[in-house]
Amino acid sequence: VIGLSGCKTSRKVTSSLGEPRFLSSKVQLTIPNKGGTITVNGTMKLVSGERMQLSLLMPILRSEVARLEITPDDVLVVDRMGKRYVQATRKELKDVLPKKADFAHLEKILFNASKPNGKKELSGKELGIPSLEKGRIELSGFSNNSFSLTPTELSSKYTQVELNEILEMLMSL
């Protein structure tokens, strides 16, 4: 009789900062709209030092409406409904974003939110997005389990536009 057994480590993969290398959560984004607010749900995935993806989903149908992808060097904002996108380097965004709004700062905010007494509801201003100052993002259901996060690739059906077009679209949802 041959017996097979498996074992699993209880250790987590961590970054050089002692934080877990992977972080995912559920997201609820609330932004001001004409005479009220709109709330959309989604997911956030972060690989420490590499990439963060925020995926916003359409209510009921659960199909992706928008995606925000941030790396230490650039930002990609995708409007799935209008087939538009903006891709910009940190250097190109230096006049739009506050000085401390870099990948390391975002990573720190997200890992802090995942801790037991961490701040799980953040304003646009706290995230370094002054144009969404009245917007709020609430994070829940955190996990440090590993996952694969591939860079977003867009087909030729998508049109590159200026940053202000995407921001106007997001504000008029």
Protein backbone atom coordinates (compact mmCIF):
# COMPACT_ATOMS: atom_id res chain seq x y z
CA VAL A 1 0.00 0.00 0.00
CA ILE A 2 1.35 3.38 -1.01
CA GLY A 3 0.22 6.46 0.86
CA LEU A 4 0.47 9.97 -0.46
CA SER A 5 0.46 12.99 1.74
CA GLY A 6 0.96 16.69 1.24
CA CYS A 7 2.04 19.47 3.42
CA LYS A 8 1.42 23.18 3.29
CA THR A 9 3.47 25.93 4.84
CA SER A 10 1.74 28.51 7.01
CA ARG A 11 4.30 31.14 6.04
CA LYS A 12 3.39 33.96 3.66
CA VAL A 13 5.62 35.42 0.96
CA THR A 14 6.69 38.85 2.19
CA SER A 15 8.35 41.86 0.66
CA SER A 16 11.54 43.45 1.93
CA LEU A 17 9.40 45.76 4.09
CA GLY A 18 8.01 42.79 6.01
CA GLU A 19 4.59 43.27 4.41
CA PRO A 20 3.00 40.41 2.46
CA ARG A 21 3.96 40.48 -1.22
CA PHE A 22 0.33 40.09 -2.40
CA LEU A 23 -2.80 41.95 -1.35
CA SER A 24 -6.31 41.78 -2.73
CA SER A 25 -9.62 43.17 -1.53
CA LYS A 26 -13.16 44.04 -2.46
CA VAL A 27 -13.74 47.70 -3.27
CA GLN A 28 -16.72 50.01 -3.07
CA LEU A 29 -16.20 53.35 -4.82
CA THR A 30 -18.61 56.23 -4.20
CA ILE A 31 -18.24 59.38 -6.31
CA PRO A 32 -20.33 62.55 -6.51
CA ASN A 33 -22.67 62.74 -9.48
CA LYS A 34 -25.14 65.28 -10.83
CA GLY A 35 -27.25 65.97 -7.75
CA GLY A 36 -26.22 62.82 -5.86
CA THR A 37 -23.69 60.03 -5.72
CA ILE A 38 -23.03 56.81 -7.57
CA THR A 39 -21.55 53.68 -6.02
CA VAL A 40 -19.80 50.89 -7.89
CA ASN A 41 -18.18 47.73 -6.58
CA GLY A 42 -15.00 46.12 -7.75
CA THR A 43 -11.76 44.45 -6.82
CA MET A 44 -8.24 45.60 -6.03
CA LYS A 45 -5.13 43.49 -6.56
CA LEU A 46 -1.61 44.54 -5.59
CA VAL A 47 1.74 42.87 -6.13
CA SER A 48 4.21 44.72 -3.92
CA GLY A 49 6.70 46.86 -5.83
CA GLU A 50 5.25 45.88 -9.21
CA ARG A 51 1.62 46.63 -10.05
CA MET A 52 -1.82 47.50 -8.64
CA GLN A 53 -5.06 46.90 -10.56
CA LEU A 54 -8.41 48.35 -9.59
CA SER A 55 -11.30 46.85 -11.53
CA LEU A 56 -14.74 48.51 -11.28
CA LEU A 57 -17.75 46.35 -12.12
CA MET A 58 -21.21 47.16 -13.47
CA PRO A 59 -23.96 46.45 -10.94
CA ILE A 60 -25.96 43.25 -11.48
CA LEU A 61 -24.15 42.19 -14.71
CA ARG A 62 -20.75 42.24 -12.96
CA SER A 63 -18.89 43.08 -16.19
CA GLU A 64 -15.90 45.42 -15.98
CA VAL A 65 -16.75 49.08 -16.58
CA ALA A 66 -13.34 50.61 -15.88
CA ARG A 67 -9.84 49.58 -14.88
CA LEU A 68 -7.05 51.54 -13.26
CA GLU A 69 -3.58 50.01 -13.40
CA ILE A 70 -0.66 51.63 -11.60
CA THR A 71 3.00 50.62 -11.67
CA PRO A 72 5.94 52.49 -10.14
CA ASP A 73 6.51 54.11 -13.57
CA ASP A 74 3.14 54.62 -15.23
CA VAL A 75 -0.64 54.75 -14.98
CA LEU A 76 -3.25 53.19 -17.29
CA VAL A 77 -6.93 54.17 -17.07
CA VAL A 78 -9.31 52.12 -19.23
CA ASP A 79 -12.95 52.96 -20.04
CA ARG A 80 -14.31 49.54 -21.06
CA MET A 81 -17.73 50.91 -22.06
CA GLY A 82 -16.43 53.66 -24.37
CA LYS A 83 -13.39 51.65 -25.53
CA ARG A 84 -11.04 54.49 -24.54
CA TYR A 85 -7.85 54.60 -22.50
CA VAL A 86 -5.16 56.88 -21.15
CA GLN A 87 -1.62 55.75 -20.56
CA ALA A 88 0.74 58.19 -18.89
CA THR A 89 4.12 58.07 -17.18
CA ARG A 90 4.65 59.38 -13.65
CA LYS A 91 6.64 62.23 -15.21
CA GLU A 92 3.68 63.22 -17.42
CA LEU A 93 1.38 63.20 -14.38
CA LYS A 94 3.63 65.23 -12.08
CA ASP A 95 1.50 68.37 -12.57
CA VAL A 96 -1.76 66.47 -11.98
CA LEU A 97 -0.83 64.45 -8.89
CA PRO A 98 0.49 65.68 -5.54
CA LYS A 99 4.21 65.11 -4.85
CA LYS A 100 3.68 62.28 -2.39
CA ALA A 101 1.28 60.40 -4.73
CA ASP A 102 3.66 57.71 -5.90
CA PHE A 103 3.44 53.91 -6.05
CA ALA A 104 5.24 53.38 -2.72
CA HIS A 105 2.80 55.74 -0.95
CA LEU A 106 -0.23 53.99 -2.50
CA GLU A 107 1.17 50.60 -1.53
CA LYS A 108 1.69 51.77 2.06
CA ILE A 109 -1.90 53.08 2.31
CA LEU A 110 -3.34 49.80 1.01
CA PHE A 111 -1.24 47.57 3.28
CA ASN A 112 -2.10 49.79 6.28
CA ALA A 113 -5.82 49.50 5.43
CA SER A 114 -5.52 45.70 5.46
CA LYS A 115 -4.32 45.63 9.07
CA PRO A 116 -6.85 44.86 11.85
CA ASN A 117 -7.27 48.50 12.95
CA GLY A 118 -6.36 50.03 9.59
CA LYS A 119 -8.32 52.81 7.92
CA LYS A 120 -10.53 50.99 5.41
CA GLU A 121 -12.43 54.01 4.07
CA LEU A 122 -10.34 56.57 2.21
CA SER A 123 -11.12 59.82 0.40
CA GLY A 124 -9.85 60.72 -3.05
CA LYS A 125 -7.67 63.34 -1.42
CA GLU A 126 -6.04 60.75 0.87
CA LEU A 127 -5.29 58.61 -2.19
CA GLY A 128 -3.66 61.55 -3.95
CA ILE A 129 -6.50 62.26 -6.41
CA PRO A 130 -7.58 65.85 -5.67
CA SER A 131 -10.21 65.85 -8.47
CA LEU A 132 -12.03 63.07 -6.58
CA GLU A 133 -11.73 64.81 -3.22
CA LYS A 134 -15.39 64.08 -2.37
CA GLY A 135 -15.12 60.51 -3.62
CA ARG A 136 -14.71 57.66 -1.16
CA ILE A 137 -13.28 54.20 -1.54
CA GLU A 138 -14.04 51.47 0.99
CA LEU A 139 -11.87 48.35 1.13
CA SER A 140 -12.97 45.03 2.64
CA GLY A 141 -12.36 41.29 2.45
CA PHE A 142 -8.57 41.50 2.39
CA SER A 143 -6.43 38.52 1.41
CA ASN A 144 -2.65 37.94 1.23
CA ASN A 145 -2.95 34.77 -0.86
CA SER A 146 -0.73 34.75 -3.92
CA PHE A 147 -2.18 35.31 -7.39
CA SER A 148 -0.89 36.14 -10.85
CA LEU A 149 -1.40 39.69 -12.10
CA THR A 150 -0.69 40.20 -15.78
CA PRO A 151 -0.36 43.65 -17.35
CA THR A 152 -3.49 44.90 -19.10
CA GLU A 153 -3.37 44.53 -22.87
CA LEU A 154 -5.82 46.42 -25.06
CA SER A 155 -6.97 45.52 -28.55
CA SER A 156 -6.97 47.93 -31.49
CA LYS A 157 -10.66 48.62 -30.74
CA TYR A 158 -9.53 50.96 -27.96
CA THR A 159 -8.72 54.61 -28.67
CA GLN A 160 -6.09 56.53 -26.72
CA VAL A 161 -7.45 59.85 -25.40
CA GLU A 162 -6.31 62.71 -23.18
CA LEU A 163 -6.44 62.30 -19.40
CA ASN A 164 -9.13 64.97 -18.94
CA GLU A 165 -11.55 63.02 -21.23
CA ILE A 166 -11.35 59.93 -19.01
CA LEU A 167 -11.70 62.01 -15.82
CA GLU A 168 -14.82 63.72 -17.24
CA MET A 169 -16.24 60.32 -18.17
CA LEU A 170 -15.63 58.97 -14.65
CA MET A 171 -17.25 62.03 -13.07
CA SER A 172 -20.38 61.70 -15.27
CA LEU A 173 -21.08 58.01 -14.58
